[in-house]
Amino acid sequence: MICQNCGHENDMDATFCDNCGARLGRNPNFGRQRPSPPNTGMSQTNKILILAVVVLVGVLGVTAGLLLQSNNNNPTTMNTPSSVSESGEKITYKADWHKVTSFSGISDDYRSFLIKGQQFKVVMSATPTLNYNTNYMNIDVSDTSHILGSGEVNWGPTDALSSKEKTVKVTGPPGTYWVYVTSKDLESWTVTVYDYY
């Protein structure tokens, strides 16, 4: 029998420990592992994990709802009318094409023009002369440093002498732009600029 006081191993029928003299008694639980109390309910870690998942789902739901609502309140189409209300009057404004300038000629030309809106178009038209050569008109539309668009109309030596027209559309901020016209053997040409605002 093992002494509970000093751990010395004694004879099985001994009443006192040979080493320390302590009374040897029989403890049925000595040397055995104590059973853990029964586990009732969830652990603290599981409770925290479930709470974190619920909070995360709630935050995602609120964020998605706000994003959908803000997208529904901000239409991004260009033709959406704008409304202004002053002293009980309602004025509705819808963007449209406005003629900015128009010029004509028979030889090369270079002109500037001012744009108020976010886009504009340059309409070119020309009529060739009867000379059985290749006739053409070319335009380049540019800002201060780049060519933003180009257009060309041409006629071969055997083509009909009918007028031709072409449109070049450009998107850009308000400001000053330039158009450079080059031509060969034309009876006349015309360039018209339209602003969209």
N, C-alpha and C. Protein backbone atom coordinates (compact mmCIF):
# COMPACT_ATOMS: atom_id res chain seq x y z
N MET A 1 0.84 -1.15 0.00
CA MET A 1 0.00 0.00 0.00
C MET A 1 0.91 1.24 0.00
N ILE A 2 0.52 2.30 -0.74
CA ILE A 2 1.33 3.50 -0.90
C ILE A 2 0.84 4.53 0.11
N CYS A 3 1.80 5.18 0.76
CA CYS A 3 1.49 6.21 1.76
C CYS A 3 1.04 7.47 1.02
N GLN A 4 -0.07 8.03 1.45
CA GLN A 4 -0.60 9.24 0.82
C GLN A 4 0.20 10.47 1.24
N ASN A 5 0.92 10.36 2.34
CA ASN A 5 1.68 11.49 2.87
C ASN A 5 3.03 11.64 2.18
N CYS A 6 3.80 10.54 2.05
CA CYS A 6 5.16 10.63 1.50
C CYS A 6 5.34 9.82 0.23
N GLY A 7 4.40 8.97 -0.12
CA GLY A 7 4.48 8.20 -1.35
C GLY A 7 5.29 6.92 -1.23
N HIS A 8 5.71 6.51 0.01
CA HIS A 8 6.49 5.30 0.21
C HIS A 8 5.59 4.08 0.05
N GLU A 9 6.14 3.02 -0.53
CA GLU A 9 5.37 1.81 -0.73
C GLU A 9 5.56 0.90 0.49
N ASN A 10 4.46 0.56 1.15
CA ASN A 10 4.46 -0.28 2.35
C ASN A 10 3.82 -1.62 2.02
N ASP A 11 3.88 -2.54 3.01
CA ASP A 11 3.23 -3.84 2.84
C ASP A 11 1.73 -3.64 2.78
N MET A 12 1.05 -4.57 2.20
CA MET A 12 -0.40 -4.47 2.01
C MET A 12 -1.17 -4.49 3.33
N ASP A 13 -0.67 -5.15 4.33
CA ASP A 13 -1.41 -5.25 5.58
C ASP A 13 -0.92 -4.25 6.63
N ALA A 14 -0.02 -3.29 6.26
CA ALA A 14 0.52 -2.30 7.21
C ALA A 14 -0.55 -1.28 7.54
N THR A 15 -0.55 -0.81 8.80
CA THR A 15 -1.49 0.19 9.26
C THR A 15 -0.83 1.57 9.28
N PHE A 16 0.52 1.60 9.52
CA PHE A 16 1.27 2.85 9.54
C PHE A 16 2.40 2.77 8.53
N CYS A 17 2.82 3.93 8.03
CA CYS A 17 3.88 4.02 7.01
C CYS A 17 5.21 3.72 7.68
N ASP A 18 6.04 2.85 7.07
CA ASP A 18 7.36 2.53 7.57
C ASP A 18 8.30 3.73 7.46
N ASN A 19 8.07 4.63 6.57
CA ASN A 19 8.99 5.75 6.31
C ASN A 19 8.67 6.96 7.18
N CYS A 20 7.37 7.43 7.19
CA CYS A 20 7.05 8.67 7.91
C CYS A 20 6.16 8.42 9.11
N GLY A 21 5.57 7.27 9.30
CA GLY A 21 4.75 6.93 10.44
C GLY A 21 3.32 7.38 10.32
N ALA A 22 2.94 7.87 9.20
CA ALA A 22 1.56 8.34 9.02
C ALA A 22 0.63 7.15 8.92
N ARG A 23 -0.61 7.35 9.36
CA ARG A 23 -1.60 6.28 9.33
C ARG A 23 -1.97 6.00 7.88
N LEU A 24 -1.94 4.73 7.55
CA LEU A 24 -2.31 4.31 6.20
C LEU A 24 -3.79 3.98 6.20
N GLY A 25 -4.52 4.65 5.39
CA GLY A 25 -5.94 4.36 5.29
C GLY A 25 -6.27 4.06 3.84
N ARG A 26 -7.38 3.50 3.69
CA ARG A 26 -7.77 3.17 2.32
C ARG A 26 -8.65 4.31 1.78
N ASN A 27 -8.13 5.01 0.79
CA ASN A 27 -8.88 6.05 0.08
C ASN A 27 -9.21 5.48 -1.29
N PRO A 28 -10.46 5.24 -1.55
CA PRO A 28 -10.81 4.59 -2.80
C PRO A 28 -10.44 5.43 -4.04
N ASN A 29 -10.31 6.75 -3.89
CA ASN A 29 -10.02 7.60 -5.05
C ASN A 29 -8.54 7.93 -5.20
N PHE A 30 -7.68 7.43 -4.26
CA PHE A 30 -6.27 7.77 -4.31
C PHE A 30 -5.63 7.17 -5.56
N GLY A 31 -4.93 8.05 -6.34
CA GLY A 31 -4.25 7.59 -7.55
C GLY A 31 -5.14 7.59 -8.77
N ARG A 32 -6.38 7.86 -8.59
CA ARG A 32 -7.29 7.89 -9.73
C ARG A 32 -7.52 9.35 -10.17
N GLN A 33 -7.81 9.51 -11.42
CA GLN A 33 -8.10 10.84 -11.95
C GLN A 33 -9.54 11.18 -11.60
N ARG A 34 -9.74 12.40 -11.15
CA ARG A 34 -11.09 12.81 -10.80
C ARG A 34 -11.89 12.99 -12.08
N PRO A 35 -13.11 12.54 -12.12
CA PRO A 35 -13.92 12.72 -13.32
C PRO A 35 -14.30 14.20 -13.47
N SER A 36 -14.31 14.65 -14.71
CA SER A 36 -14.68 16.05 -14.96
C SER A 36 -16.18 16.18 -14.83
N PRO A 37 -16.64 17.36 -14.43
CA PRO A 37 -18.08 17.55 -14.29
C PRO A 37 -18.74 17.42 -15.66
N PRO A 38 -19.96 16.97 -15.71
CA PRO A 38 -20.63 16.80 -16.99
C PRO A 38 -20.75 18.16 -17.71
N ASN A 39 -20.53 18.12 -19.02
CA ASN A 39 -20.55 19.33 -19.84
C ASN A 39 -21.98 19.62 -20.25
N THR A 40 -22.52 20.71 -19.72
CA THR A 40 -23.88 21.08 -20.08
C THR A 40 -23.84 22.39 -20.85
N GLY A 41 -24.47 22.46 -22.03
CA GLY A 41 -24.52 23.69 -22.82
C GLY A 41 -23.28 23.87 -23.68
N MET A 42 -23.19 25.05 -24.32
CA MET A 42 -22.08 25.36 -25.23
C MET A 42 -20.91 25.96 -24.46
N SER A 43 -19.73 25.78 -25.02
CA SER A 43 -18.55 26.38 -24.41
C SER A 43 -18.54 27.87 -24.73
N GLN A 44 -17.75 28.61 -24.00
CA GLN A 44 -17.64 30.06 -24.18
C GLN A 44 -17.13 30.40 -25.59
N THR A 45 -16.20 29.61 -26.11
CA THR A 45 -15.64 29.85 -27.44
C THR A 45 -16.71 29.72 -28.51
N ASN A 46 -17.55 28.70 -28.40
CA ASN A 46 -18.62 28.51 -29.39
C ASN A 46 -19.62 29.67 -29.34
N LYS A 47 -19.93 30.16 -28.15
CA LYS A 47 -20.86 31.28 -28.02
C LYS A 47 -20.29 32.53 -28.70
N ILE A 48 -19.02 32.81 -28.50
CA ILE A 48 -18.38 33.99 -29.10
C ILE A 48 -18.35 33.85 -30.62
N LEU A 49 -18.05 32.65 -31.12
CA LEU A 49 -17.99 32.42 -32.56
C LEU A 49 -19.36 32.64 -33.21
N ILE A 50 -20.41 32.13 -32.61
CA ILE A 50 -21.76 32.31 -33.16
C ILE A 50 -22.15 33.78 -33.14
N LEU A 51 -21.84 34.48 -32.07
CA LEU A 51 -22.15 35.91 -31.98
C LEU A 51 -21.41 36.70 -33.06
N ALA A 52 -20.14 36.37 -33.31
CA ALA A 52 -19.36 37.07 -34.34
C ALA A 52 -19.95 36.84 -35.73
N VAL A 53 -20.40 35.63 -36.03
CA VAL A 53 -21.01 35.33 -37.33
C VAL A 53 -22.31 36.11 -37.51
N VAL A 54 -23.13 36.18 -36.47
CA VAL A 54 -24.40 36.91 -36.54
C VAL A 54 -24.14 38.40 -36.78
N VAL A 55 -23.16 38.98 -36.08
CA VAL A 55 -22.83 40.40 -36.26
C VAL A 55 -22.32 40.65 -37.67
N LEU A 56 -21.46 39.77 -38.19
CA LEU A 56 -20.91 39.93 -39.54
C LEU A 56 -22.02 39.88 -40.60
N VAL A 57 -22.95 38.95 -40.48
CA VAL A 57 -24.06 38.86 -41.42
C VAL A 57 -24.91 40.13 -41.36
N GLY A 58 -25.14 40.65 -40.17
CA GLY A 58 -25.91 41.88 -40.02
C GLY A 58 -25.24 43.07 -40.68
N VAL A 59 -23.93 43.21 -40.48
CA VAL A 59 -23.18 44.32 -41.09
C VAL A 59 -23.21 44.21 -42.61
N LEU A 60 -23.01 43.01 -43.15
CA LEU A 60 -23.06 42.83 -44.60
C LEU A 60 -24.45 43.14 -45.16
N GLY A 61 -25.48 42.77 -44.47
CA GLY A 61 -26.85 43.05 -44.92
C GLY A 61 -27.14 44.54 -44.95
N VAL A 62 -26.74 45.26 -43.91
CA VAL A 62 -26.96 46.71 -43.88
C VAL A 62 -26.16 47.39 -44.98
N THR A 63 -24.90 46.99 -45.19
CA THR A 63 -24.07 47.58 -46.24
C THR A 63 -24.67 47.34 -47.62
N ALA A 64 -25.11 46.13 -47.89
CA ALA A 64 -25.72 45.83 -49.19
C ALA A 64 -26.99 46.66 -49.40
N GLY A 65 -27.79 46.81 -48.38
CA GLY A 65 -29.00 47.62 -48.49
C GLY A 65 -28.70 49.08 -48.79
N LEU A 66 -27.69 49.64 -48.12
CA LEU A 66 -27.31 51.03 -48.38
C LEU A 66 -26.78 51.21 -49.79
N LEU A 67 -25.97 50.27 -50.27
CA LEU A 67 -25.43 50.37 -51.63
C LEU A 67 -26.54 50.29 -52.67
N LEU A 68 -27.47 49.39 -52.50
CA LEU A 68 -28.58 49.27 -53.45
C LEU A 68 -29.44 50.53 -53.44
N GLN A 69 -29.67 51.08 -52.27
CA GLN A 69 -30.48 52.30 -52.18
C GLN A 69 -29.77 53.48 -52.83
N SER A 70 -28.46 53.61 -52.63
CA SER A 70 -27.73 54.73 -53.24
C SER A 70 -27.66 54.57 -54.76
N ASN A 71 -27.56 53.36 -55.28
CA ASN A 71 -27.57 53.15 -56.73
C ASN A 71 -28.92 53.49 -57.33
N ASN A 72 -30.00 53.22 -56.62
CA ASN A 72 -31.33 53.54 -57.13
C ASN A 72 -31.58 55.05 -57.11
N ASN A 73 -30.93 55.77 -56.22
CA ASN A 73 -31.13 57.22 -56.12
C ASN A 73 -30.24 58.02 -57.04
N ASN A 74 -29.21 57.41 -57.67
CA ASN A 74 -28.27 58.13 -58.52
C ASN A 74 -28.29 57.59 -59.93
N PRO A 75 -29.24 57.97 -60.79
CA PRO A 75 -29.21 57.49 -62.17
C PRO A 75 -28.06 58.14 -62.91
N THR A 76 -27.45 57.39 -63.85
CA THR A 76 -26.27 57.89 -64.54
C THR A 76 -26.48 58.04 -66.03
N THR A 77 -27.71 58.14 -66.49
CA THR A 77 -27.93 58.30 -67.92
C THR A 77 -27.75 59.76 -68.30
N MET A 78 -27.24 60.00 -69.51
CA MET A 78 -26.95 61.35 -69.96
C MET A 78 -28.22 62.14 -70.29
N ASN A 79 -29.28 61.48 -70.71
CA ASN A 79 -30.48 62.19 -71.15
C ASN A 79 -31.48 62.40 -70.04
N THR A 80 -31.10 62.21 -68.79
CA THR A 80 -32.01 62.40 -67.69
C THR A 80 -32.27 63.90 -67.50
N PRO A 81 -33.52 64.32 -67.52
CA PRO A 81 -33.81 65.74 -67.34
C PRO A 81 -33.42 66.20 -65.95
N SER A 82 -32.96 67.43 -65.85
CA SER A 82 -32.65 68.04 -64.57
C SER A 82 -33.78 68.97 -64.21
N SER A 83 -34.16 69.00 -62.95
CA SER A 83 -35.24 69.88 -62.51
C SER A 83 -34.71 70.88 -61.51
N VAL A 84 -35.17 72.12 -61.64
CA VAL A 84 -34.80 73.18 -60.72
C VAL A 84 -36.09 73.82 -60.24
N SER A 85 -36.23 73.99 -58.93
CA SER A 85 -37.45 74.57 -58.40
C SER A 85 -37.11 75.88 -57.70
N GLU A 86 -37.75 76.97 -58.15
CA GLU A 86 -37.59 78.28 -57.53
C GLU A 86 -38.96 78.91 -57.38
N SER A 87 -39.29 79.34 -56.19
CA SER A 87 -40.55 80.02 -55.88
C SER A 87 -41.77 79.34 -56.48
N GLY A 88 -41.85 78.06 -56.35
CA GLY A 88 -43.02 77.32 -56.81
C GLY A 88 -43.01 76.98 -58.29
N GLU A 89 -42.07 77.51 -59.08
CA GLU A 89 -41.99 77.18 -60.50
C GLU A 89 -41.10 75.97 -60.69
N LYS A 90 -41.44 75.14 -61.66
CA LYS A 90 -40.61 73.98 -61.96
C LYS A 90 -40.10 74.12 -63.39
N ILE A 91 -38.77 74.11 -63.52
CA ILE A 91 -38.14 74.24 -64.83
C ILE A 91 -37.43 72.93 -65.12
N THR A 92 -37.73 72.33 -66.24
CA THR A 92 -37.08 71.08 -66.62
C THR A 92 -36.13 71.36 -67.79
N TYR A 93 -34.91 70.84 -67.67
CA TYR A 93 -33.90 71.07 -68.69
C TYR A 93 -33.40 69.72 -69.18
N LYS A 94 -33.35 69.55 -70.49
CA LYS A 94 -32.84 68.32 -71.07
C LYS A 94 -31.71 68.68 -72.03
N ALA A 95 -30.59 67.98 -71.92
CA ALA A 95 -29.45 68.27 -72.78
C ALA A 95 -29.82 68.01 -74.24
N ASP A 96 -29.22 68.84 -75.13
CA ASP A 96 -29.50 68.73 -76.55
C ASP A 96 -28.30 69.23 -77.33
N TRP A 97 -28.29 69.00 -78.64
CA TRP A 97 -27.20 69.47 -79.50
C TRP A 97 -27.42 70.94 -79.84
N HIS A 98 -26.36 71.76 -79.68
CA HIS A 98 -26.39 73.19 -79.99
C HIS A 98 -25.27 73.50 -80.98
N LYS A 99 -25.62 74.24 -82.03
CA LYS A 99 -24.63 74.61 -83.04
C LYS A 99 -23.66 75.64 -82.43
N VAL A 100 -22.36 75.35 -82.54
CA VAL A 100 -21.33 76.23 -82.00
C VAL A 100 -20.77 77.14 -83.09
N THR A 101 -20.37 76.55 -84.21
CA THR A 101 -19.79 77.31 -85.31
C THR A 101 -19.92 76.52 -86.60
N SER A 102 -19.80 77.24 -87.70
CA SER A 102 -19.80 76.61 -89.01
C SER A 102 -18.90 77.45 -89.91
N PHE A 103 -18.08 76.79 -90.73
CA PHE A 103 -17.22 77.52 -91.67
C PHE A 103 -17.04 76.69 -92.93
N SER A 104 -16.77 77.39 -94.03
CA SER A 104 -16.65 76.74 -95.34
C SER A 104 -15.37 77.19 -96.02
N GLY A 105 -14.99 76.44 -97.06
CA GLY A 105 -13.82 76.82 -97.82
C GLY A 105 -13.59 75.88 -98.99
N ILE A 106 -12.43 76.08 -99.65
CA ILE A 106 -12.05 75.18 -100.74
C ILE A 106 -10.63 74.66 -100.55
N SER A 107 -9.88 75.26 -99.58
CA SER A 107 -8.51 74.83 -99.33
C SER A 107 -8.34 74.51 -97.84
N ASP A 108 -7.13 74.19 -97.43
CA ASP A 108 -6.86 73.81 -96.03
C ASP A 108 -7.22 74.95 -95.09
N ASP A 109 -7.61 74.58 -93.84
CA ASP A 109 -8.01 75.58 -92.85
C ASP A 109 -7.76 75.02 -91.45
N TYR A 110 -7.67 75.94 -90.46
CA TYR A 110 -7.41 75.56 -89.08
C TYR A 110 -8.22 76.51 -88.21
N ARG A 111 -9.14 75.97 -87.36
CA ARG A 111 -10.01 76.82 -86.54
C ARG A 111 -10.09 76.27 -85.12
N SER A 112 -10.35 77.18 -84.16
CA SER A 112 -10.59 76.77 -82.77
C SER A 112 -12.05 77.06 -82.43
N PHE A 113 -12.56 76.37 -81.40
CA PHE A 113 -13.93 76.58 -80.96
C PHE A 113 -14.02 76.21 -79.49
N LEU A 114 -15.02 76.75 -78.78
CA LEU A 114 -15.20 76.56 -77.35
C LEU A 114 -16.38 75.63 -77.10
N ILE A 115 -16.17 74.62 -76.24
CA ILE A 115 -17.20 73.64 -75.91
C ILE A 115 -17.61 73.82 -74.45
N LYS A 116 -18.93 73.79 -74.17
CA LYS A 116 -19.46 73.92 -72.81
C LYS A 116 -19.80 72.58 -72.18
N GLY A 117 -20.19 71.60 -72.99
CA GLY A 117 -20.66 70.30 -72.48
C GLY A 117 -19.55 69.28 -72.36
N GLN A 118 -19.94 68.02 -72.22
CA GLN A 118 -19.00 66.91 -72.05
C GLN A 118 -18.75 66.15 -73.35
N GLN A 119 -19.46 66.52 -74.41
CA GLN A 119 -19.23 65.88 -75.71
C GLN A 119 -19.64 66.84 -76.82
N PHE A 120 -19.08 66.61 -78.00
CA PHE A 120 -19.42 67.42 -79.16
C PHE A 120 -19.24 66.59 -80.41
N LYS A 121 -19.77 67.11 -81.54
CA LYS A 121 -19.59 66.42 -82.81
C LYS A 121 -19.23 67.44 -83.88
N VAL A 122 -18.41 66.99 -84.82
CA VAL A 122 -17.99 67.81 -85.95
C VAL A 122 -18.53 67.14 -87.20
N VAL A 123 -19.38 67.87 -87.95
CA VAL A 123 -19.98 67.34 -89.17
C VAL A 123 -19.25 67.97 -90.35
N MET A 124 -18.68 67.14 -91.21
CA MET A 124 -17.95 67.61 -92.39
C MET A 124 -18.71 67.18 -93.63
N SER A 125 -18.75 68.07 -94.62
CA SER A 125 -19.37 67.71 -95.91
C SER A 125 -18.58 68.40 -97.01
N ALA A 126 -18.56 67.78 -98.19
CA ALA A 126 -17.77 68.33 -99.30
C ALA A 126 -18.35 67.90 -100.63
N THR A 127 -18.03 68.70 -101.66
CA THR A 127 -18.41 68.40 -103.04
C THR A 127 -17.14 68.47 -103.88
N PRO A 128 -16.82 67.42 -104.67
CA PRO A 128 -15.58 67.43 -105.45
C PRO A 128 -15.71 68.20 -106.77
N THR A 129 -14.58 68.49 -107.36
CA THR A 129 -14.56 69.06 -108.72
C THR A 129 -14.44 67.93 -109.73
N LEU A 130 -14.80 68.20 -110.94
CA LEU A 130 -14.69 67.21 -112.01
C LEU A 130 -13.29 67.33 -112.60
N ASN A 131 -12.40 66.40 -112.23
CA ASN A 131 -11.02 66.45 -112.75
C ASN A 131 -10.45 65.05 -112.99
N TYR A 132 -11.22 64.01 -112.74
CA TYR A 132 -10.81 62.61 -112.95
C TYR A 132 -9.57 62.25 -112.14
N ASN A 133 -9.39 62.91 -110.99
CA ASN A 133 -8.34 62.58 -110.03
C ASN A 133 -8.99 62.13 -108.73
N THR A 134 -8.17 61.74 -107.78
CA THR A 134 -8.68 61.43 -106.44
C THR A 134 -8.86 62.75 -105.70
N ASN A 135 -10.06 62.97 -105.19
CA ASN A 135 -10.38 64.18 -104.44
C ASN A 135 -10.68 63.75 -103.00
N TYR A 136 -10.34 64.59 -102.00
CA TYR A 136 -10.62 64.20 -100.62
C TYR A 136 -10.73 65.42 -99.71
N MET A 137 -11.31 65.17 -98.54
CA MET A 137 -11.34 66.12 -97.43
C MET A 137 -11.05 65.33 -96.17
N ASN A 138 -10.15 65.85 -95.35
CA ASN A 138 -9.77 65.18 -94.11
C ASN A 138 -9.84 66.20 -92.97
N ILE A 139 -10.35 65.80 -91.79
CA ILE A 139 -10.31 66.67 -90.61
C ILE A 139 -9.67 65.92 -89.46
N ASP A 140 -8.93 66.66 -88.63
CA ASP A 140 -8.39 66.16 -87.37
C ASP A 140 -8.92 67.08 -86.28
N VAL A 141 -9.53 66.50 -85.23
CA VAL A 141 -10.04 67.25 -84.09
C VAL A 141 -9.08 67.02 -82.93
N SER A 142 -8.61 68.11 -82.29
CA SER A 142 -7.62 67.95 -81.22
C SER A 142 -7.90 68.89 -80.06
N ASP A 143 -7.29 68.52 -78.91
CA ASP A 143 -7.25 69.44 -77.77
C ASP A 143 -5.87 70.08 -77.79
N THR A 144 -5.36 70.51 -76.66
CA THR A 144 -4.07 71.20 -76.66
C THR A 144 -2.89 70.31 -77.03
N SER A 145 -3.04 69.00 -76.89
CA SER A 145 -1.87 68.15 -77.13
C SER A 145 -2.13 66.86 -77.90
N HIS A 146 -3.37 66.48 -78.13
CA HIS A 146 -3.65 65.18 -78.76
C HIS A 146 -4.71 65.31 -79.85
N ILE A 147 -4.61 64.46 -80.86
CA ILE A 147 -5.69 64.33 -81.84
C ILE A 147 -6.73 63.40 -81.22
N LEU A 148 -7.96 63.88 -81.09
CA LEU A 148 -9.03 63.13 -80.43
C LEU A 148 -9.92 62.38 -81.40
N GLY A 149 -9.93 62.79 -82.66
CA GLY A 149 -10.75 62.12 -83.66
C GLY A 149 -10.41 62.62 -85.05
N SER A 150 -10.67 61.78 -86.04
CA SER A 150 -10.39 62.14 -87.44
C SER A 150 -11.51 61.63 -88.32
N GLY A 151 -11.65 62.26 -89.48
CA GLY A 151 -12.64 61.82 -90.44
C GLY A 151 -12.18 62.15 -91.85
N GLU A 152 -12.63 61.35 -92.83
CA GLU A 152 -12.23 61.58 -94.21
C GLU A 152 -13.37 61.19 -95.14
N VAL A 153 -13.56 62.01 -96.19
CA VAL A 153 -14.42 61.65 -97.31
C VAL A 153 -13.57 61.78 -98.56
N ASN A 154 -13.75 60.85 -99.52
CA ASN A 154 -12.94 60.91 -100.75
C ASN A 154 -13.72 60.37 -101.94
N TRP A 155 -13.23 60.72 -103.12
CA TRP A 155 -13.83 60.29 -104.37
C TRP A 155 -12.72 59.80 -105.28
N GLY A 156 -12.94 58.69 -105.95
CA GLY A 156 -12.00 58.17 -106.93
C GLY A 156 -12.21 58.87 -108.27
N PRO A 157 -11.32 58.62 -109.24
CA PRO A 157 -11.40 59.29 -110.55
C PRO A 157 -12.71 59.05 -111.28
N THR A 158 -13.37 57.92 -111.01
CA THR A 158 -14.61 57.61 -111.74
C THR A 158 -15.86 57.70 -110.88
N ASP A 159 -15.73 58.18 -109.64
CA ASP A 159 -16.90 58.29 -108.75
C ASP A 159 -17.81 59.43 -109.19
N ALA A 160 -19.09 59.32 -108.81
CA ALA A 160 -20.05 60.39 -109.09
C ALA A 160 -19.67 61.64 -108.30
N LEU A 161 -20.05 62.80 -108.80
CA LEU A 161 -19.68 64.07 -108.17
C LEU A 161 -20.67 64.51 -107.10
N SER A 162 -21.26 63.57 -106.38
CA SER A 162 -22.23 63.92 -105.34
C SER A 162 -21.51 64.32 -104.05
N SER A 163 -22.19 65.15 -103.24
CA SER A 163 -21.63 65.57 -101.95
C SER A 163 -21.63 64.39 -100.99
N LYS A 164 -20.64 64.39 -100.09
CA LYS A 164 -20.55 63.37 -99.05
C LYS A 164 -20.45 64.07 -97.70
N GLU A 165 -20.90 63.34 -96.66
CA GLU A 165 -20.89 63.91 -95.31
C GLU A 165 -20.41 62.85 -94.33
N LYS A 166 -19.71 63.30 -93.29
CA LYS A 166 -19.24 62.39 -92.24
C LYS A 166 -19.26 63.15 -90.91
N THR A 167 -19.54 62.41 -89.81
CA THR A 167 -19.60 63.01 -88.47
C THR A 167 -18.54 62.37 -87.58
N VAL A 168 -17.83 63.20 -86.84
CA VAL A 168 -16.83 62.74 -85.87
C VAL A 168 -17.33 63.18 -84.50
N LYS A 169 -17.57 62.21 -83.60
CA LYS A 169 -18.03 62.52 -82.23
C LYS A 169 -16.85 62.42 -81.28
N VAL A 170 -16.80 63.36 -80.32
CA VAL A 170 -15.69 63.42 -79.35
C VAL A 170 -16.28 63.63 -77.97
N THR A 171 -15.74 62.93 -76.98
CA THR A 171 -16.12 63.12 -75.58
C THR A 171 -14.93 63.73 -74.85
N GLY A 172 -15.19 64.81 -74.12
CA GLY A 172 -14.12 65.47 -73.39
C GLY A 172 -14.67 66.57 -72.52
N PRO A 173 -13.85 67.12 -71.64
CA PRO A 173 -14.32 68.17 -70.73
C PRO A 173 -14.55 69.48 -71.48
N PRO A 174 -15.28 70.40 -70.89
CA PRO A 174 -15.46 71.71 -71.51
C PRO A 174 -14.11 72.38 -71.73
N GLY A 175 -14.00 73.17 -72.81
CA GLY A 175 -12.75 73.86 -73.08
C GLY A 175 -12.62 74.19 -74.55
N THR A 176 -11.40 74.58 -74.94
CA THR A 176 -11.11 74.95 -76.32
C THR A 176 -10.57 73.76 -77.08
N TYR A 177 -11.08 73.56 -78.30
CA TYR A 177 -10.65 72.48 -79.18
C TYR A 177 -10.34 73.07 -80.55
N TRP A 178 -9.65 72.31 -81.38
CA TRP A 178 -9.26 72.76 -82.71
C TRP A 178 -9.66 71.72 -83.76
N VAL A 179 -9.94 72.22 -84.98
CA VAL A 179 -10.19 71.34 -86.11
C VAL A 179 -9.27 71.79 -87.24
N TYR A 180 -8.57 70.82 -87.82
CA TYR A 180 -7.64 71.08 -88.93
C TYR A 180 -8.20 70.40 -90.17
N VAL A 181 -8.45 71.19 -91.22
CA VAL A 181 -9.05 70.68 -92.46
C VAL A 181 -7.97 70.62 -93.53
N THR A 182 -7.83 69.46 -94.18
CA THR A 182 -6.98 69.34 -95.37
C THR A 182 -7.87 68.86 -96.51
N SER A 183 -7.62 69.39 -97.70
CA SER A 183 -8.48 69.03 -98.83
C SER A 183 -7.67 69.03 -100.12
N LYS A 184 -8.22 68.34 -101.13
CA LYS A 184 -7.59 68.31 -102.46
C LYS A 184 -8.68 68.31 -103.51
N ASP A 185 -8.61 69.30 -104.38
CA ASP A 185 -9.49 69.40 -105.56
C ASP A 185 -10.97 69.31 -105.21
N LEU A 186 -11.41 70.18 -104.30
CA LEU A 186 -12.83 70.22 -103.93
C LEU A 186 -13.47 71.50 -104.46
N GLU A 187 -14.72 71.37 -104.84
CA GLU A 187 -15.49 72.55 -105.24
C GLU A 187 -15.80 73.40 -104.01
N SER A 188 -16.16 72.72 -102.90
CA SER A 188 -16.40 73.40 -101.62
C SER A 188 -16.48 72.36 -100.51
N TRP A 189 -16.25 72.82 -99.30
CA TRP A 189 -16.44 71.98 -98.12
C TRP A 189 -17.04 72.84 -97.01
N THR A 190 -17.68 72.17 -96.04
CA THR A 190 -18.27 72.86 -94.88
C THR A 190 -18.01 72.02 -93.64
N VAL A 191 -17.66 72.69 -92.55
CA VAL A 191 -17.49 72.04 -91.25
C VAL A 191 -18.43 72.74 -90.27
N THR A 192 -19.25 71.94 -89.55
CA THR A 192 -20.16 72.47 -88.54
C THR A 192 -19.90 71.75 -87.22
N VAL A 193 -19.78 72.51 -86.13
CA VAL A 193 -19.50 71.94 -84.81
C VAL A 193 -20.75 72.08 -83.94
N TYR A 194 -21.14 70.98 -83.28
CA TYR A 194 -22.28 70.96 -82.37
C TYR A 194 -21.81 70.55 -80.98
N ASP A 195 -22.33 71.25 -79.97
CA ASP A 195 -22.01 70.98 -78.57
C ASP A 195 -23.22 70.34 -77.91
N TYR A 196 -23.00 69.36 -77.02
CA TYR A 196 -24.10 68.68 -76.33
C TYR A 196 -24.11 69.12 -74.87
N TYR A 197 -25.09 69.94 -74.52
CA TYR A 197 -25.25 70.39 -73.13
C TYR A 197 -26.70 70.69 -72.85
